[in-house]
Amino acid sequence: MQQTEPYSLIGKQLSALLEGSNHWLTNSSQMSAFIFQQIKELNWVGFYWLNPSKERLELGSFQGNPACNPIPLGKGVCGTCAITQETQRIDDVTCLDNHIACDPNSRSELVLPVIQNNVFYGVLDIDSPKPKRFNADDQAGIALLLEQFCQKTDLTPISALF
């Protein structure tokens, strides 16, 4: 996808891809693979799910190199997103004191909270080897894709996993 191509087009493609399934594992796997293939200059895309009893995030479906697991709440960009439940857009992760370096090639990161019906379930983590890869348009576009995912996916079984 070209950087200038609107997220509305890939939103339509994602909607079609998720049609017919509301299973959290199927849809999170599809979403990770879809974003990884459709958006340029990424080296990792995936979900981390909240394990409230252990106060940490557990690795879910992803595309890219093997990932760090588990992630304590409040640690790194994903753990910070989990605590604040606010999107984290980091231009250069090497400048962060509490960064978790799963892949030393990752330089910028966009992490969005996965919230459905006012319940926090986890985060969608997107990494790039390019510093300053993500801008406000990317953040808004990915947020719309995640909203579609949440509308089409039953996330309630995730709570029973932990």
N, C-alpha and C. Protein backbone atom coordinates (compact mmCIF):
# COMPACT_ATOMS: atom_id res chain seq x y z
N MET A 1 0.83 -1.18 0.00
CA MET A 1 0.00 0.00 0.00
C MET A 1 0.88 1.24 0.00
N GLN A 2 0.58 2.19 -0.80
CA GLN A 2 1.29 3.47 -0.79
C GLN A 2 0.88 4.24 0.45
N GLN A 3 1.81 5.02 0.99
CA GLN A 3 1.54 5.80 2.19
C GLN A 3 0.34 6.72 2.00
N THR A 4 0.10 7.21 0.78
CA THR A 4 -0.98 8.15 0.54
C THR A 4 -2.32 7.48 0.31
N GLU A 5 -2.33 6.17 0.10
CA GLU A 5 -3.60 5.48 -0.13
C GLU A 5 -4.46 5.54 1.12
N PRO A 6 -5.74 5.86 0.97
CA PRO A 6 -6.58 6.01 2.16
C PRO A 6 -6.85 4.68 2.87
N TYR A 7 -6.94 4.80 4.18
CA TYR A 7 -7.26 3.62 4.98
C TYR A 7 -8.67 3.12 4.72
N SER A 8 -9.51 3.95 4.12
CA SER A 8 -10.88 3.51 3.84
C SER A 8 -10.90 2.31 2.89
N LEU A 9 -9.98 2.25 1.95
CA LEU A 9 -9.92 1.13 1.02
C LEU A 9 -9.54 -0.16 1.75
N ILE A 10 -8.50 -0.11 2.57
CA ILE A 10 -8.13 -1.33 3.26
C ILE A 10 -9.15 -1.67 4.35
N GLY A 11 -9.88 -0.66 4.82
CA GLY A 11 -10.98 -0.92 5.75
C GLY A 11 -12.06 -1.77 5.11
N LYS A 12 -12.36 -1.49 3.86
CA LYS A 12 -13.36 -2.29 3.13
C LYS A 12 -12.85 -3.72 2.92
N GLN A 13 -11.57 -3.83 2.62
CA GLN A 13 -10.98 -5.17 2.44
C GLN A 13 -10.99 -5.95 3.74
N LEU A 14 -10.66 -5.29 4.84
CA LEU A 14 -10.68 -5.96 6.14
C LEU A 14 -12.09 -6.39 6.50
N SER A 15 -13.06 -5.56 6.25
CA SER A 15 -14.45 -5.90 6.54
C SER A 15 -14.85 -7.18 5.82
N ALA A 16 -14.49 -7.27 4.56
CA ALA A 16 -14.80 -8.48 3.78
C ALA A 16 -14.06 -9.69 4.32
N LEU A 17 -12.81 -9.50 4.73
CA LEU A 17 -12.00 -10.59 5.26
C LEU A 17 -12.58 -11.15 6.56
N LEU A 18 -13.11 -10.28 7.40
CA LEU A 18 -13.65 -10.70 8.69
C LEU A 18 -15.11 -11.17 8.62
N GLU A 19 -15.72 -10.96 7.49
CA GLU A 19 -17.13 -11.36 7.33
C GLU A 19 -17.27 -12.86 7.51
N GLY A 20 -18.27 -13.26 8.27
CA GLY A 20 -18.56 -14.68 8.41
C GLY A 20 -17.95 -15.33 9.63
N SER A 21 -17.11 -14.60 10.39
CA SER A 21 -16.53 -15.17 11.61
C SER A 21 -16.54 -14.10 12.69
N ASN A 22 -16.89 -14.51 13.89
CA ASN A 22 -16.76 -13.59 15.02
C ASN A 22 -15.81 -14.16 16.08
N HIS A 23 -15.08 -15.22 15.70
CA HIS A 23 -14.18 -15.89 16.64
C HIS A 23 -12.93 -15.03 16.87
N TRP A 24 -12.61 -14.80 18.12
CA TRP A 24 -11.51 -13.90 18.46
C TRP A 24 -10.16 -14.37 17.92
N LEU A 25 -9.91 -15.69 17.94
CA LEU A 25 -8.62 -16.19 17.48
C LEU A 25 -8.50 -16.08 15.96
N THR A 26 -9.55 -16.48 15.26
CA THR A 26 -9.56 -16.38 13.80
C THR A 26 -9.39 -14.94 13.36
N ASN A 27 -10.20 -14.06 13.93
CA ASN A 27 -10.18 -12.66 13.49
C ASN A 27 -8.89 -11.94 13.88
N SER A 28 -8.33 -12.25 15.04
CA SER A 28 -7.06 -11.59 15.41
C SER A 28 -5.92 -12.10 14.54
N SER A 29 -5.97 -13.36 14.15
CA SER A 29 -4.96 -13.90 13.23
C SER A 29 -5.08 -13.24 11.86
N GLN A 30 -6.30 -13.15 11.37
CA GLN A 30 -6.54 -12.51 10.07
C GLN A 30 -6.11 -11.04 10.08
N MET A 31 -6.48 -10.35 11.14
CA MET A 31 -6.17 -8.93 11.23
C MET A 31 -4.66 -8.70 11.27
N SER A 32 -3.95 -9.49 12.05
CA SER A 32 -2.49 -9.34 12.13
C SER A 32 -1.84 -9.56 10.76
N ALA A 33 -2.23 -10.63 10.10
CA ALA A 33 -1.66 -10.94 8.78
C ALA A 33 -2.02 -9.87 7.76
N PHE A 34 -3.26 -9.41 7.80
CA PHE A 34 -3.74 -8.42 6.84
C PHE A 34 -2.97 -7.10 6.98
N ILE A 35 -2.85 -6.59 8.19
CA ILE A 35 -2.12 -5.34 8.40
C ILE A 35 -0.66 -5.50 8.00
N PHE A 36 -0.07 -6.63 8.38
CA PHE A 36 1.34 -6.88 8.07
C PHE A 36 1.59 -6.86 6.56
N GLN A 37 0.65 -7.38 5.79
CA GLN A 37 0.82 -7.44 4.33
C GLN A 37 0.41 -6.15 3.63
N GLN A 38 -0.57 -5.45 4.16
CA GLN A 38 -1.12 -4.29 3.46
C GLN A 38 -0.42 -2.97 3.75
N ILE A 39 0.22 -2.86 4.88
CA ILE A 39 0.85 -1.59 5.26
C ILE A 39 2.37 -1.74 5.18
N LYS A 40 2.98 -0.86 4.46
CA LYS A 40 4.42 -0.94 4.20
C LYS A 40 5.25 -0.58 5.43
N GLU A 41 6.49 -1.04 5.38
CA GLU A 41 7.53 -0.70 6.34
C GLU A 41 7.21 -1.15 7.77
N LEU A 42 6.65 -2.35 7.90
CA LEU A 42 6.39 -2.93 9.21
C LEU A 42 7.26 -4.16 9.39
N ASN A 43 7.63 -4.44 10.64
CA ASN A 43 8.36 -5.69 10.89
C ASN A 43 7.68 -6.55 11.95
N TRP A 44 6.57 -6.06 12.53
CA TRP A 44 5.82 -6.86 13.50
C TRP A 44 4.43 -6.27 13.69
N VAL A 45 3.44 -7.15 13.72
CA VAL A 45 2.06 -6.76 14.00
C VAL A 45 1.43 -7.87 14.82
N GLY A 46 0.81 -7.52 15.93
CA GLY A 46 0.16 -8.56 16.70
C GLY A 46 -0.60 -8.05 17.90
N PHE A 47 -1.24 -9.00 18.56
CA PHE A 47 -2.06 -8.73 19.73
C PHE A 47 -1.40 -9.27 20.98
N TYR A 48 -1.57 -8.55 22.06
CA TYR A 48 -1.27 -9.02 23.41
C TYR A 48 -2.57 -8.93 24.20
N TRP A 49 -2.92 -10.00 24.90
CA TRP A 49 -4.17 -10.05 25.66
C TRP A 49 -3.90 -9.90 27.15
N LEU A 50 -4.80 -9.22 27.84
CA LEU A 50 -4.66 -8.96 29.26
C LEU A 50 -4.91 -10.22 30.08
N ASN A 51 -3.95 -10.53 30.95
CA ASN A 51 -4.12 -11.56 31.96
C ASN A 51 -4.19 -10.82 33.30
N PRO A 52 -5.42 -10.49 33.74
CA PRO A 52 -5.55 -9.64 34.93
C PRO A 52 -5.06 -10.30 36.21
N SER A 53 -5.15 -11.61 36.31
CA SER A 53 -4.73 -12.27 37.54
C SER A 53 -3.22 -12.20 37.75
N LYS A 54 -2.48 -12.08 36.67
CA LYS A 54 -1.02 -11.99 36.78
C LYS A 54 -0.50 -10.59 36.45
N GLU A 55 -1.43 -9.66 36.20
CA GLU A 55 -1.08 -8.27 35.90
C GLU A 55 -0.06 -8.16 34.79
N ARG A 56 -0.39 -8.81 33.68
CA ARG A 56 0.52 -8.78 32.53
C ARG A 56 -0.25 -9.01 31.25
N LEU A 57 0.44 -8.75 30.13
CA LEU A 57 -0.09 -9.03 28.81
C LEU A 57 0.52 -10.32 28.31
N GLU A 58 -0.30 -11.14 27.65
CA GLU A 58 0.15 -12.42 27.10
C GLU A 58 0.09 -12.35 25.58
N LEU A 59 1.08 -12.91 24.93
CA LEU A 59 1.19 -12.89 23.48
C LEU A 59 0.01 -13.60 22.82
N GLY A 60 -0.54 -12.96 21.79
CA GLY A 60 -1.60 -13.54 20.98
C GLY A 60 -1.14 -13.70 19.55
N SER A 61 -2.08 -13.66 18.63
CA SER A 61 -1.79 -13.81 17.20
C SER A 61 -0.87 -12.68 16.74
N PHE A 62 0.10 -13.04 15.87
CA PHE A 62 1.02 -12.01 15.38
C PHE A 62 1.65 -12.45 14.06
N GLN A 63 2.30 -11.49 13.42
CA GLN A 63 3.12 -11.70 12.23
C GLN A 63 4.46 -11.03 12.48
N GLY A 64 5.54 -11.72 12.16
CA GLY A 64 6.87 -11.17 12.35
C GLY A 64 7.73 -12.14 13.14
N ASN A 65 8.86 -11.65 13.64
CA ASN A 65 9.77 -12.47 14.42
C ASN A 65 9.14 -12.88 15.75
N PRO A 66 9.68 -13.94 16.39
CA PRO A 66 9.20 -14.29 17.72
C PRO A 66 9.22 -13.07 18.63
N ALA A 67 8.27 -13.04 19.57
CA ALA A 67 8.06 -11.84 20.37
C ALA A 67 8.32 -12.08 21.85
N CYS A 68 8.47 -10.99 22.58
CA CYS A 68 8.61 -11.04 24.03
C CYS A 68 7.28 -11.47 24.65
N ASN A 69 7.38 -12.27 25.69
CA ASN A 69 6.19 -12.73 26.39
C ASN A 69 6.61 -13.23 27.76
N PRO A 70 5.88 -12.87 28.80
CA PRO A 70 4.79 -11.90 28.89
C PRO A 70 5.35 -10.47 29.02
N ILE A 71 4.44 -9.51 29.00
CA ILE A 71 4.81 -8.11 29.20
C ILE A 71 4.11 -7.60 30.45
N PRO A 72 4.86 -7.20 31.46
CA PRO A 72 4.25 -6.66 32.68
C PRO A 72 3.48 -5.37 32.39
N LEU A 73 2.37 -5.17 33.07
CA LEU A 73 1.61 -3.93 32.91
C LEU A 73 2.50 -2.76 33.33
N GLY A 74 2.50 -1.71 32.51
CA GLY A 74 3.31 -0.53 32.78
C GLY A 74 4.70 -0.59 32.20
N LYS A 75 5.13 -1.74 31.67
CA LYS A 75 6.49 -1.88 31.12
C LYS A 75 6.44 -1.79 29.60
N GLY A 76 7.32 -1.01 29.01
CA GLY A 76 7.38 -0.87 27.56
C GLY A 76 6.18 -0.12 27.02
N VAL A 77 6.13 -0.04 25.71
CA VAL A 77 5.05 0.70 25.05
C VAL A 77 3.72 -0.04 25.22
N CYS A 78 3.74 -1.37 25.08
CA CYS A 78 2.50 -2.15 25.22
C CYS A 78 1.98 -2.10 26.65
N GLY A 79 2.87 -2.27 27.63
CA GLY A 79 2.47 -2.21 29.02
C GLY A 79 1.95 -0.84 29.43
N THR A 80 2.54 0.21 28.86
CA THR A 80 2.06 1.57 29.11
C THR A 80 0.68 1.77 28.53
N CYS A 81 0.46 1.27 27.32
CA CYS A 81 -0.86 1.36 26.69
C CYS A 81 -1.90 0.62 27.55
N ALA A 82 -1.51 -0.53 28.08
CA ALA A 82 -2.44 -1.30 28.91
C ALA A 82 -2.84 -0.55 30.17
N ILE A 83 -1.89 0.12 30.79
CA ILE A 83 -2.18 0.88 32.03
C ILE A 83 -3.03 2.12 31.73
N THR A 84 -2.65 2.85 30.69
CA THR A 84 -3.34 4.11 30.38
C THR A 84 -4.59 3.91 29.55
N GLN A 85 -4.65 2.79 28.84
CA GLN A 85 -5.71 2.50 27.86
C GLN A 85 -5.83 3.63 26.84
N GLU A 86 -4.68 4.18 26.49
CA GLU A 86 -4.59 5.23 25.47
C GLU A 86 -3.56 4.81 24.43
N THR A 87 -3.81 5.18 23.19
CA THR A 87 -2.89 4.86 22.10
C THR A 87 -1.52 5.47 22.37
N GLN A 88 -0.49 4.69 22.07
CA GLN A 88 0.90 5.13 22.20
C GLN A 88 1.53 5.15 20.80
N ARG A 89 1.98 6.31 20.37
CA ARG A 89 2.68 6.44 19.08
C ARG A 89 4.07 6.97 19.38
N ILE A 90 5.06 6.11 19.16
CA ILE A 90 6.44 6.41 19.54
C ILE A 90 7.29 6.52 18.28
N ASP A 91 7.93 7.66 18.10
CA ASP A 91 8.77 7.90 16.92
C ASP A 91 10.07 7.11 16.94
N ASP A 92 10.65 6.95 18.14
CA ASP A 92 11.92 6.23 18.26
C ASP A 92 11.96 5.53 19.62
N VAL A 93 11.72 4.24 19.60
CA VAL A 93 11.64 3.47 20.85
C VAL A 93 12.97 3.41 21.58
N THR A 94 14.08 3.63 20.87
CA THR A 94 15.38 3.57 21.54
C THR A 94 15.57 4.72 22.52
N CYS A 95 14.72 5.72 22.45
CA CYS A 95 14.80 6.86 23.37
C CYS A 95 14.02 6.63 24.66
N LEU A 96 13.32 5.50 24.77
CA LEU A 96 12.53 5.22 25.96
C LEU A 96 13.33 4.43 26.99
N ASP A 97 13.20 4.84 28.24
CA ASP A 97 13.91 4.15 29.32
C ASP A 97 13.34 2.76 29.57
N ASN A 98 12.04 2.59 29.44
CA ASN A 98 11.42 1.32 29.79
C ASN A 98 11.05 0.47 28.57
N HIS A 99 11.69 0.74 27.43
CA HIS A 99 11.39 -0.02 26.22
C HIS A 99 11.83 -1.47 26.36
N ILE A 100 10.99 -2.37 25.85
CA ILE A 100 11.33 -3.79 25.80
C ILE A 100 11.79 -4.08 24.38
N ALA A 101 13.04 -4.41 24.21
CA ALA A 101 13.61 -4.61 22.87
C ALA A 101 13.48 -6.08 22.45
N CYS A 102 12.30 -6.43 21.93
CA CYS A 102 12.11 -7.79 21.43
C CYS A 102 12.88 -7.98 20.13
N ASP A 103 12.80 -7.01 19.26
CA ASP A 103 13.50 -7.03 17.98
C ASP A 103 14.36 -5.76 17.92
N PRO A 104 15.66 -5.90 17.92
CA PRO A 104 16.52 -4.71 17.92
C PRO A 104 16.36 -3.86 16.65
N ASN A 105 15.72 -4.41 15.62
CA ASN A 105 15.50 -3.64 14.39
C ASN A 105 14.30 -2.71 14.49
N SER A 106 13.42 -2.91 15.46
CA SER A 106 12.26 -2.03 15.62
C SER A 106 12.70 -0.67 16.11
N ARG A 107 12.18 0.36 15.47
CA ARG A 107 12.54 1.73 15.87
C ARG A 107 11.32 2.55 16.25
N SER A 108 10.20 2.37 15.55
CA SER A 108 9.00 3.12 15.92
C SER A 108 7.87 2.13 16.20
N GLU A 109 6.90 2.61 16.98
CA GLU A 109 5.85 1.70 17.44
C GLU A 109 4.53 2.44 17.58
N LEU A 110 3.47 1.73 17.22
CA LEU A 110 2.10 2.23 17.39
C LEU A 110 1.34 1.14 18.13
N VAL A 111 0.83 1.46 19.32
CA VAL A 111 0.10 0.49 20.13
C VAL A 111 -1.25 1.09 20.50
N LEU A 112 -2.30 0.32 20.18
CA LEU A 112 -3.67 0.78 20.44
C LEU A 112 -4.36 -0.16 21.43
N PRO A 113 -5.15 0.39 22.34
CA PRO A 113 -5.89 -0.47 23.27
C PRO A 113 -7.05 -1.16 22.54
N VAL A 114 -7.27 -2.42 22.89
CA VAL A 114 -8.41 -3.18 22.35
C VAL A 114 -9.50 -3.12 23.41
N ILE A 115 -10.53 -2.34 23.12
CA ILE A 115 -11.63 -2.12 24.06
C ILE A 115 -12.94 -2.44 23.35
N GLN A 116 -13.75 -3.25 24.00
CA GLN A 116 -15.06 -3.61 23.44
C GLN A 116 -16.09 -3.49 24.56
N ASN A 117 -17.15 -2.74 24.31
CA ASN A 117 -18.20 -2.54 25.32
C ASN A 117 -17.61 -2.06 26.65
N ASN A 118 -16.69 -1.12 26.55
CA ASN A 118 -16.03 -0.50 27.71
C ASN A 118 -15.18 -1.47 28.54
N VAL A 119 -14.83 -2.61 27.97
CA VAL A 119 -13.96 -3.58 28.64
C VAL A 119 -12.63 -3.62 27.89
N PHE A 120 -11.54 -3.46 28.63
CA PHE A 120 -10.20 -3.53 28.05
C PHE A 120 -9.77 -5.00 27.97
N TYR A 121 -9.41 -5.45 26.75
CA TYR A 121 -9.00 -6.84 26.54
C TYR A 121 -7.52 -7.00 26.26
N GLY A 122 -6.89 -5.97 25.71
CA GLY A 122 -5.48 -6.09 25.37
C GLY A 122 -5.04 -4.95 24.47
N VAL A 123 -3.99 -5.21 23.69
CA VAL A 123 -3.45 -4.18 22.80
C VAL A 123 -3.15 -4.76 21.42
N LEU A 124 -3.21 -3.89 20.43
CA LEU A 124 -2.72 -4.19 19.09
C LEU A 124 -1.41 -3.44 18.95
N ASP A 125 -0.34 -4.19 18.71
CA ASP A 125 1.02 -3.64 18.66
C ASP A 125 1.53 -3.70 17.22
N ILE A 126 2.04 -2.57 16.73
CA ILE A 126 2.57 -2.50 15.37
C ILE A 126 3.95 -1.84 15.44
N ASP A 127 4.95 -2.54 14.90
CA ASP A 127 6.33 -2.07 14.95
C ASP A 127 6.87 -1.84 13.54
N SER A 128 7.82 -0.91 13.46
CA SER A 128 8.47 -0.63 12.19
C SER A 128 9.98 -0.44 12.42
N PRO A 129 10.78 -0.86 11.45
CA PRO A 129 12.22 -0.60 11.55
C PRO A 129 12.58 0.85 11.20
N LYS A 130 11.60 1.61 10.73
CA LYS A 130 11.84 2.99 10.31
C LYS A 130 11.46 3.96 11.43
N PRO A 131 12.38 4.81 11.86
CA PRO A 131 12.02 5.84 12.85
C PRO A 131 10.93 6.76 12.29
N LYS A 132 10.06 7.22 13.16
CA LYS A 132 8.98 8.15 12.78
C LYS A 132 8.08 7.57 11.68
N ARG A 133 7.90 6.26 11.66
CA ARG A 133 7.09 5.61 10.62
C ARG A 133 5.62 6.00 10.70
N PHE A 134 5.11 6.19 11.91
CA PHE A 134 3.67 6.39 12.10
C PHE A 134 3.34 7.86 12.33
N ASN A 135 2.31 8.33 11.61
CA ASN A 135 1.85 9.70 11.79
C ASN A 135 0.39 9.69 12.27
N ALA A 136 -0.19 10.85 12.38
CA ALA A 136 -1.57 10.96 12.87
C ALA A 136 -2.56 10.24 11.94
N ASP A 137 -2.31 10.28 10.63
CA ASP A 137 -3.18 9.58 9.68
C ASP A 137 -3.12 8.06 9.89
N ASP A 138 -1.92 7.53 10.12
CA ASP A 138 -1.77 6.10 10.41
C ASP A 138 -2.51 5.74 11.70
N GLN A 139 -2.33 6.57 12.70
CA GLN A 139 -2.98 6.31 13.98
C GLN A 139 -4.50 6.28 13.83
N ALA A 140 -5.05 7.25 13.14
CA ALA A 140 -6.50 7.31 12.93
C ALA A 140 -6.98 6.14 12.06
N GLY A 141 -6.21 5.82 11.02
CA GLY A 141 -6.59 4.73 10.12
C GLY A 141 -6.56 3.38 10.81
N ILE A 142 -5.52 3.11 11.58
CA ILE A 142 -5.43 1.84 12.30
C ILE A 142 -6.53 1.78 13.36
N ALA A 143 -6.84 2.90 13.99
CA ALA A 143 -7.92 2.93 14.99
C ALA A 143 -9.24 2.52 14.35
N LEU A 144 -9.49 2.97 13.12
CA LEU A 144 -10.72 2.57 12.41
C LEU A 144 -10.72 1.08 12.09
N LEU A 145 -9.56 0.56 11.69
CA LEU A 145 -9.47 -0.88 11.43
C LEU A 145 -9.72 -1.68 12.71
N LEU A 146 -9.16 -1.22 13.81
CA LEU A 146 -9.37 -1.90 15.08
C LEU A 146 -10.83 -1.81 15.53
N GLU A 147 -11.46 -0.70 15.26
CA GLU A 147 -12.89 -0.55 15.57
C GLU A 147 -13.71 -1.58 14.79
N GLN A 148 -13.39 -1.76 13.52
CA GLN A 148 -14.07 -2.77 12.71
C GLN A 148 -13.85 -4.16 13.30
N PHE A 149 -12.62 -4.45 13.67
CA PHE A 149 -12.30 -5.73 14.28
C PHE A 149 -13.17 -5.96 15.52
N CYS A 150 -13.25 -4.95 16.38
CA CYS A 150 -14.02 -5.08 17.62
C CYS A 150 -15.52 -5.23 17.35
N GLN A 151 -16.01 -4.61 16.30
CA GLN A 151 -17.43 -4.74 15.95
C GLN A 151 -17.77 -6.13 15.43
N LYS A 152 -16.81 -6.78 14.80
CA LYS A 152 -17.06 -8.08 14.16
C LYS A 152 -16.56 -9.27 14.98
N THR A 153 -15.99 -9.02 16.16
CA THR A 153 -15.33 -10.07 16.91
C THR A 153 -15.90 -10.17 18.32
N ASP A 154 -16.17 -11.40 18.75
CA ASP A 154 -16.59 -11.65 20.13
C ASP A 154 -15.35 -11.85 20.98
N LEU A 155 -15.01 -10.85 21.77
CA LEU A 155 -13.81 -10.92 22.60
C LEU A 155 -14.07 -11.48 24.00
N THR A 156 -15.32 -11.70 24.36
CA THR A 156 -15.62 -12.15 25.72
C THR A 156 -14.95 -13.46 26.11
N PRO A 157 -14.72 -14.42 25.20
CA PRO A 157 -14.04 -15.66 25.62
C PRO A 157 -12.60 -15.44 26.10
N ILE A 158 -11.99 -14.31 25.74
CA ILE A 158 -10.61 -14.05 26.15
C ILE A 158 -10.51 -13.99 27.67
N SER A 159 -11.51 -13.40 28.31
CA SER A 159 -11.49 -13.28 29.77
C SER A 159 -11.44 -14.65 30.44
N ALA A 160 -12.04 -15.65 29.82
CA ALA A 160 -12.07 -16.99 30.40
C ALA A 160 -10.73 -17.73 30.24
N LEU A 161 -9.85 -17.23 29.39
CA LEU A 161 -8.56 -17.87 29.18
C LEU A 161 -7.66 -17.76 30.41
N PHE A 162 -7.86 -16.70 31.16
CA PHE A 162 -6.96 -16.43 32.27
C PHE A 162 -7.70 -16.59 33.55
